[in-house]
Amino acid sequence: MAIIIGDIHGDFPMTRAYLDYKPEVEHVSLGDIVDSRDTKVTADEELASLDLLLASDAVLLWGNHVLAYLYRRG
């Protein structure tokens, strides 16, 4: 069984709670890790949330809010 979440959008407390919940179980993030529309979420919080996820063993999938930042060729 895995713990699955989507649409974190840089919410650091949510990210911490998600990763702390049953740490022995695989965690999967379904994307939309950054790009919060909430004005209370700062860029520093979004980056801290991203750093926390990247440092974890969670499986990270790309969502539309992440793909929007990729360079497009042609």
PDB file of N, CA and C in Angstrom:
ATOM      1  N   MET A   1       0.842  -1.176   0.000  1.00  0.00           N
ATOM      2  CA  MET A   1       0.000   0.000   0.000  1.00  0.00           C
ATOM      3  C   MET A   1       0.890   1.243   0.000  1.00  0.00           C
ATOM      4  N   ALA A   2       0.446   2.288  -0.663  1.00  0.00           N
ATOM      5  CA  ALA A   2       1.203   3.541  -0.719  1.00  0.00           C
ATOM      6  C   ALA A   2       0.339   4.686  -0.197  1.00  0.00           C
ATOM      7  N   ILE A   3       1.000   5.714   0.286  1.00  0.00           N
ATOM      8  CA  ILE A   3       0.339   6.957   0.680  1.00  0.00           C
ATOM      9  C   ILE A   3       0.467   7.889  -0.526  1.00  0.00           C
ATOM     10  N   ILE A   4      -0.650   8.297  -1.095  1.00  0.00           N
ATOM     11  CA  ILE A   4      -0.648   9.060  -2.344  1.00  0.00           C
ATOM     12  C   ILE A   4      -1.274  10.426  -2.095  1.00  0.00           C
ATOM     13  N   ILE A   5      -0.635  11.449  -2.672  1.00  0.00           N
ATOM     14  CA  ILE A   5      -1.143  12.828  -2.540  1.00  0.00           C
ATOM     15  C   ILE A   5      -0.961  13.546  -3.873  1.00  0.00           C
ATOM     16  N   GLY A   6      -1.805  14.502  -4.123  1.00  0.00           N
ATOM     17  CA  GLY A   6      -1.673  15.368  -5.294  1.00  0.00           C
ATOM     18  C   GLY A   6      -1.847  16.819  -4.881  1.00  0.00           C
ATOM     19  N   ASP A   7      -1.395  17.708  -5.711  1.00  0.00           N
ATOM     20  CA  ASP A   7      -1.628  19.142  -5.522  1.00  0.00           C
ATOM     21  C   ASP A   7      -1.113  19.690  -4.197  1.00  0.00           C
ATOM     22  N   ILE A   8       0.159  19.493  -3.932  1.00  0.00           N
ATOM     23  CA  ILE A   8       0.772  20.059  -2.728  1.00  0.00           C
ATOM     24  C   ILE A   8       0.940  21.573  -2.883  1.00  0.00           C
ATOM     25  N   HIS A   9       1.294  22.014  -4.064  1.00  0.00           N
ATOM     26  CA  HIS A   9       1.415  23.443  -4.391  1.00  0.00           C
ATOM     27  C   HIS A   9       2.239  24.230  -3.371  1.00  0.00           C
ATOM     28  N   GLY A  10       3.361  23.668  -2.953  1.00  0.00           N
ATOM     29  CA  GLY A  10       4.289  24.396  -2.106  1.00  0.00           C
ATOM     30  C   GLY A  10       3.871  24.590  -0.671  1.00  0.00           C
ATOM     31  N   ASP A  11       2.849  23.897  -0.232  1.00  0.00           N
ATOM     32  CA  ASP A  11       2.378  24.014   1.151  1.00  0.00           C
ATOM     33  C   ASP A  11       3.317  23.208   2.049  1.00  0.00           C
ATOM     34  N   PHE A  12       4.250  23.905   2.705  1.00  0.00           N
ATOM     35  CA  PHE A  12       5.281  23.235   3.490  1.00  0.00           C
ATOM     36  C   PHE A  12       4.715  22.415   4.650  1.00  0.00           C
ATOM     37  N   PRO A  13       3.792  22.959   5.454  1.00  0.00           N
ATOM     38  CA  PRO A  13       3.232  22.139   6.537  1.00  0.00           C
ATOM     39  C   PRO A  13       2.544  20.868   6.014  1.00  0.00           C
ATOM     40  N   MET A  14       1.850  20.981   4.887  1.00  0.00           N
ATOM     41  CA  MET A  14       1.204  19.809   4.303  1.00  0.00           C
ATOM     42  C   MET A  14       2.253  18.787   3.852  1.00  0.00           C
ATOM     43  N   THR A  15       3.325  19.271   3.247  1.00  0.00           N
ATOM     44  CA  THR A  15       4.394  18.388   2.788  1.00  0.00           C
ATOM     45  C   THR A  15       5.017  17.655   3.960  1.00  0.00           C
ATOM     46  N   ARG A  16       5.311  18.373   5.017  1.00  0.00           N
ATOM     47  CA  ARG A  16       5.909  17.761   6.215  1.00  0.00           C
ATOM     48  C   ARG A  16       4.958  16.715   6.805  1.00  0.00           C
ATOM     49  N   ALA A  17       3.686  17.046   6.946  1.00  0.00           N
ATOM     50  CA  ALA A  17       2.712  16.108   7.514  1.00  0.00           C
ATOM     51  C   ALA A  17       2.568  14.872   6.635  1.00  0.00           C
ATOM     52  N   TYR A  18       2.552  15.077   5.345  1.00  0.00           N
ATOM     53  CA  TYR A  18       2.447  13.972   4.380  1.00  0.00           C
ATOM     54  C   TYR A  18       3.620  13.010   4.516  1.00  0.00           C
ATOM     55  N   LEU A  19       4.840  13.547   4.549  1.00  0.00           N
ATOM     56  CA  LEU A  19       6.026  12.691   4.631  1.00  0.00           C
ATOM     57  C   LEU A  19       6.175  12.048   6.013  1.00  0.00           C
ATOM     58  N   ASP A  20       5.685  12.710   7.057  1.00  0.00           N
ATOM     59  CA  ASP A  20       5.775  12.157   8.413  1.00  0.00           C
ATOM     60  C   ASP A  20       4.737  11.070   8.673  1.00  0.00           C
ATOM     61  N   TYR A  21       3.675  11.034   7.865  1.00  0.00           N
ATOM     62  CA  TYR A  21       2.613  10.049   8.063  1.00  0.00           C
ATOM     63  C   TYR A  21       3.067   8.684   7.550  1.00  0.00           C
ATOM     64  N   LYS A  22       3.152   7.737   8.415  1.00  0.00           N
ATOM     65  CA  LYS A  22       3.554   6.365   8.095  1.00  0.00           C
ATOM     66  C   LYS A  22       4.824   6.329   7.240  1.00  0.00           C
ATOM     67  N   PRO A  23       5.937   6.784   7.784  1.00  0.00           N
ATOM     68  CA  PRO A  23       7.178   6.864   7.001  1.00  0.00           C
ATOM     69  C   PRO A  23       7.683   5.516   6.480  1.00  0.00           C
ATOM     70  N   GLU A  24       7.209   4.426   7.048  1.00  0.00           N
ATOM     71  CA  GLU A  24       7.643   3.108   6.595  1.00  0.00           C
ATOM     72  C   GLU A  24       6.938   2.667   5.306  1.00  0.00           C
ATOM     73  N   VAL A  25       5.920   3.408   4.899  1.00  0.00           N
ATOM     74  CA  VAL A  25       5.141   3.087   3.698  1.00  0.00           C
ATOM     75  C   VAL A  25       5.600   3.979   2.540  1.00  0.00           C
ATOM     76  N   GLU A  26       5.569   3.447   1.327  1.00  0.00           N
ATOM     77  CA  GLU A  26       5.943   4.239   0.147  1.00  0.00           C
ATOM     78  C   GLU A  26       4.994   5.430  -0.011  1.00  0.00           C
ATOM     79  N   HIS A  27       5.571   6.572  -0.360  1.00  0.00           N
ATOM     80  CA  HIS A  27       4.800   7.792  -0.606  1.00  0.00           C
ATOM     81  C   HIS A  27       4.915   8.156  -2.087  1.00  0.00           C
ATOM     82  N   VAL A  28       3.796   8.583  -2.667  1.00  0.00           N
ATOM     83  CA  VAL A  28       3.766   8.974  -4.077  1.00  0.00           C
ATOM     84  C   VAL A  28       3.074  10.325  -4.184  1.00  0.00           C
ATOM     85  N   SER A  29       3.750  11.278  -4.829  1.00  0.00           N
ATOM     86  CA  SER A  29       3.165  12.592  -5.088  1.00  0.00           C
ATOM     87  C   SER A  29       2.754  12.650  -6.549  1.00  0.00           C
ATOM     88  N   LEU A  30       1.496  12.973  -6.797  1.00  0.00           N
ATOM     89  CA  LEU A  30       0.954  12.965  -8.150  1.00  0.00           C
ATOM     90  C   LEU A  30       1.155  14.268  -8.904  1.00  0.00           C
ATOM     91  N   GLY A  31       2.112  15.053  -8.482  1.00  0.00           N
ATOM     92  CA  GLY A  31       2.435  16.270  -9.219  1.00  0.00           C
ATOM     93  C   GLY A  31       1.879  17.531  -8.593  1.00  0.00           C
ATOM     94  N   ASP A  32       2.038  18.621  -9.307  1.00  0.00           N
ATOM     95  CA  ASP A  32       1.638  19.940  -8.831  1.00  0.00           C
ATOM     96  C   ASP A  32       2.249  20.229  -7.463  1.00  0.00           C
ATOM     97  N   ILE A  33       3.565  20.058  -7.413  1.00  0.00           N
ATOM     98  CA  ILE A  33       4.328  20.231  -6.185  1.00  0.00           C
ATOM     99  C   ILE A  33       4.529  21.711  -5.881  1.00  0.00           C
ATOM    100  N   VAL A  34       4.669  22.529  -6.900  1.00  0.00           N
ATOM    101  CA  VAL A  34       4.896  23.969  -6.744  1.00  0.00           C
ATOM    102  C   VAL A  34       3.786  24.742  -7.441  1.00  0.00           C
ATOM    103  N   ASP A  35       3.965  26.047  -7.551  1.00  0.00           N
ATOM    104  CA  ASP A  35       3.056  26.937  -8.274  1.00  0.00           C
ATOM    105  C   ASP A  35       1.752  27.160  -7.519  1.00  0.00           C
ATOM    106  N   SER A  36       1.883  27.620  -6.272  1.00  0.00           N
ATOM    107  CA  SER A  36       0.709  27.889  -5.452  1.00  0.00           C
ATOM    108  C   SER A  36       0.024  29.166  -5.912  1.00  0.00           C
ATOM    109  N   ARG A  37      -1.276  29.151  -5.900  1.00  0.00           N
ATOM    110  CA  ARG A  37      -2.066  30.355  -6.181  1.00  0.00           C
ATOM    111  C   ARG A  37      -2.456  31.048  -4.876  1.00  0.00           C
ATOM    112  N   ASP A  38      -2.130  30.423  -3.742  1.00  0.00           N
ATOM    113  CA  ASP A  38      -2.433  30.981  -2.422  1.00  0.00           C
ATOM    114  C   ASP A  38      -1.404  32.061  -2.103  1.00  0.00           C
ATOM    115  N   THR A  39      -1.845  33.266  -1.895  1.00  0.00           N
ATOM    116  CA  THR A  39      -0.924  34.380  -1.639  1.00  0.00           C
ATOM    117  C   THR A  39      -0.205  34.247  -0.297  1.00  0.00           C
ATOM    118  N   LYS A  40      -0.693  33.368   0.590  1.00  0.00           N
ATOM    119  CA  LYS A  40      -0.030  33.146   1.874  1.00  0.00           C
ATOM    120  C   LYS A  40       1.179  32.223   1.736  1.00  0.00           C
ATOM    121  N   VAL A  41       1.283  31.486   0.636  1.00  0.00           N
ATOM    122  CA  VAL A  41       2.417  30.584   0.413  1.00  0.00           C
ATOM    123  C   VAL A  41       3.505  31.362  -0.322  1.00  0.00           C
ATOM    124  N   THR A  42       4.659  31.510   0.325  1.00  0.00           N
ATOM    125  CA  THR A  42       5.754  32.274  -0.265  1.00  0.00           C
ATOM    126  C   THR A  42       6.606  31.390  -1.176  1.00  0.00           C
ATOM    127  N   ALA A  43       7.408  32.034  -2.005  1.00  0.00           N
ATOM    128  CA  ALA A  43       8.327  31.293  -2.878  1.00  0.00           C
ATOM    129  C   ALA A  43       9.315  30.479  -2.047  1.00  0.00           C
ATOM    130  N   ASP A  44       9.754  31.031  -0.923  1.00  0.00           N
ATOM    131  CA  ASP A  44      10.666  30.296  -0.031  1.00  0.00           C
ATOM    132  C   ASP A  44      10.004  29.024   0.502  1.00  0.00           C
ATOM    133  N   GLU A  45       8.723  29.104   0.836  1.00  0.00           N
ATOM    134  CA  GLU A  45       8.004  27.924   1.312  1.00  0.00           C
ATOM    135  C   GLU A  45       7.861  26.886   0.209  1.00  0.00           C
ATOM    136  N   GLU A  46       7.576  27.345  -0.998  1.00  0.00           N
ATOM    137  CA  GLU A  46       7.472  26.414  -2.132  1.00  0.00           C
ATOM    138  C   GLU A  46       8.795  25.693  -2.354  1.00  0.00           C
ATOM    139  N   LEU A  47       9.905  26.447  -2.296  1.00  0.00           N
ATOM    140  CA  LEU A  47      11.217  25.824  -2.486  1.00  0.00           C
ATOM    141  C   LEU A  47      11.562  24.882  -1.341  1.00  0.00           C
ATOM    142  N   ALA A  48      11.202  25.259  -0.122  1.00  0.00           N
ATOM    143  CA  ALA A  48      11.451  24.383   1.022  1.00  0.00           C
ATOM    144  C   ALA A  48      10.643  23.095   0.902  1.00  0.00           C
ATOM    145  N   SER A  49       9.416  23.212   0.432  1.00  0.00           N
ATOM    146  CA  SER A  49       8.575  22.039   0.216  1.00  0.00           C
ATOM    147  C   SER A  49       9.179  21.130  -0.856  1.00  0.00           C
ATOM    148  N   LEU A  50       9.633  21.736  -1.929  1.00  0.00           N
ATOM    149  CA  LEU A  50      10.273  20.977  -3.009  1.00  0.00           C
ATOM    150  C   LEU A  50      11.549  20.303  -2.513  1.00  0.00           C
ATOM    151  N   ASP A  51      12.375  21.025  -1.763  1.00  0.00           N
ATOM    152  CA  ASP A  51      13.602  20.444  -1.200  1.00  0.00           C
ATOM    153  C   ASP A  51      13.292  19.251  -0.304  1.00  0.00           C
ATOM    154  N   LEU A  52      12.264  19.398   0.511  1.00  0.00           N
ATOM    155  CA  LEU A  52      11.873  18.320   1.415  1.00  0.00           C
ATOM    156  C   LEU A  52      11.464  17.070   0.628  1.00  0.00           C
ATOM    157  N   LEU A  53      10.689  17.264  -0.414  1.00  0.00           N
ATOM    158  CA  LEU A  53      10.264  16.131  -1.239  1.00  0.00           C
ATOM    159  C   LEU A  53      11.433  15.503  -1.981  1.00  0.00           C
ATOM    160  N   LEU A  54      12.320  16.331  -2.528  1.00  0.00           N
ATOM    161  CA  LEU A  54      13.465  15.796  -3.268  1.00  0.00           C
ATOM    162  C   LEU A  54      14.417  15.020  -2.359  1.00  0.00           C
ATOM    163  N   ALA A  55      14.508  15.416  -1.102  1.00  0.00           N
ATOM    164  CA  ALA A  55      15.387  14.731  -0.157  1.00  0.00           C
ATOM    165  C   ALA A  55      14.762  13.447   0.395  1.00  0.00           C
ATOM    166  N   SER A  56      13.473  13.273   0.164  1.00  0.00           N
ATOM    167  CA  SER A  56      12.776  12.099   0.683  1.00  0.00           C
ATOM    168  C   SER A  56      12.888  10.935  -0.308  1.00  0.00           C
ATOM    169  N   ASP A  57      12.338   9.801   0.093  1.00  0.00           N
ATOM    170  CA  ASP A  57      12.280   8.631  -0.783  1.00  0.00           C
ATOM    171  C   ASP A  57      10.976   8.574  -1.573  1.00  0.00           C
ATOM    172  N   ALA A  58      10.174   9.631  -1.506  1.00  0.00           N
ATOM    173  CA  ALA A  58       8.881   9.642  -2.187  1.00  0.00           C
ATOM    174  C   ALA A  58       9.064   9.581  -3.699  1.00  0.00           C
ATOM    175  N   VAL A  59       8.119   8.925  -4.352  1.00  0.00           N
ATOM    176  CA  VAL A  59       8.072   8.895  -5.812  1.00  0.00           C
ATOM    177  C   VAL A  59       7.368  10.174  -6.251  1.00  0.00           C
ATOM    178  N   LEU A  60       8.029  10.956  -7.102  1.00  0.00           N
ATOM    179  CA  LEU A  60       7.475  12.235  -7.545  1.00  0.00           C
ATOM    180  C   LEU A  60       7.108  12.165  -9.015  1.00  0.00           C
ATOM    181  N   LEU A  61       5.844  12.396  -9.321  1.00  0.00           N
ATOM    182  CA  LEU A  61       5.371  12.432 -10.698  1.00  0.00           C
ATOM    183  C   LEU A  61       5.129  13.882 -11.087  1.00  0.00           C
ATOM    184  N   TRP A  62       5.289  14.176 -12.371  1.00  0.00           N
ATOM    185  CA  TRP A  62       5.098  15.541 -12.844  1.00  0.00           C
ATOM    186  C   TRP A  62       3.619  15.813 -13.081  1.00  0.00           C
ATOM    187  N   GLY A  63       3.194  17.009 -12.702  1.00  0.00           N
ATOM    188  CA  GLY A  63       1.834  17.453 -12.972  1.00  0.00           C
ATOM    189  C   GLY A  63       1.855  18.645 -13.905  1.00  0.00           C
ATOM    190  N   ASN A  64       0.686  19.120 -14.274  1.00  0.00           N
ATOM    191  CA  ASN A  64       0.611  20.217 -15.242  1.00  0.00           C
ATOM    192  C   ASN A  64       1.271  21.497 -14.729  1.00  0.00           C
ATOM    193  N   HIS A  65       1.297  21.720 -13.419  1.00  0.00           N
ATOM    194  CA  HIS A  65       1.933  22.929 -12.894  1.00  0.00           C
ATOM    195  C   HIS A  65       3.455  22.825 -12.904  1.00  0.00           C
ATOM    196  N   VAL A  66       3.986  21.638 -13.007  1.00  0.00           N
ATOM    197  CA  VAL A  66       5.430  21.450 -13.139  1.00  0.00           C
ATOM    198  C   VAL A  66       5.808  21.477 -14.619  1.00  0.00           C
ATOM    199  N   LEU A  67       5.036  20.811 -15.423  1.00  0.00           N
ATOM    200  CA  LEU A  67       5.324  20.755 -16.856  1.00  0.00           C
ATOM    201  C   LEU A  67       5.282  22.138 -17.512  1.00  0.00           C
ATOM    202  N   ALA A  68       4.508  23.042 -16.945  1.00  0.00           N
ATOM    203  CA  ALA A  68       4.413  24.393 -17.503  1.00  0.00           C
ATOM    204  C   ALA A  68       5.738  25.126 -17.467  1.00  0.00           C
ATOM    205  N   TYR A  69       6.670  24.686 -16.598  1.00  0.00           N
ATOM    206  CA  TYR A  69       7.963  25.369 -16.473  1.00  0.00           C
ATOM    207  C   TYR A  69       9.038  24.775 -17.364  1.00  0.00           C
ATOM    208  N   LEU A  70       8.743  23.726 -18.077  1.00  0.00           N
ATOM    209  CA  LEU A  70       9.737  23.110 -18.939  1.00  0.00           C
ATOM    210  C   LEU A  70       9.938  23.930 -20.198  1.00  0.00           C
ATOM    211  N   TYR A  71      11.146  23.917 -20.694  1.00  0.00           N
ATOM    212  CA  TYR A  71      11.475  24.600 -21.941  1.00  0.00           C
ATOM    213  C   TYR A  71      10.854  23.839 -23.103  1.00  0.00           C
ATOM    214  N   ARG A  72      10.210  24.555 -23.969  1.00  0.00           N
ATOM    215  CA  ARG A  72       9.603  23.918 -25.144  1.00  0.00           C
ATOM    216  C   ARG A  72      10.448  24.182 -26.377  1.00  0.00           C
ATOM    217  N   ARG A  73      10.761  23.135 -27.093  1.00  0.00           N
ATOM    218  CA  ARG A  73      11.516  23.283 -28.337  1.00  0.00           C
ATOM    219  C   ARG A  73      10.567  23.510 -29.490  1.00  0.00           C
ATOM    220  N   GLY A  74      11.065  24.293 -30.444  1.00  0.00           N
ATOM    221  CA  GLY A  74      10.315  24.477 -31.688  1.00  0.00           C
ATOM    222  C   GLY A  74       9.243  25.425 -31.533  1.00  0.00           C
TER     223      GLY A  74
END
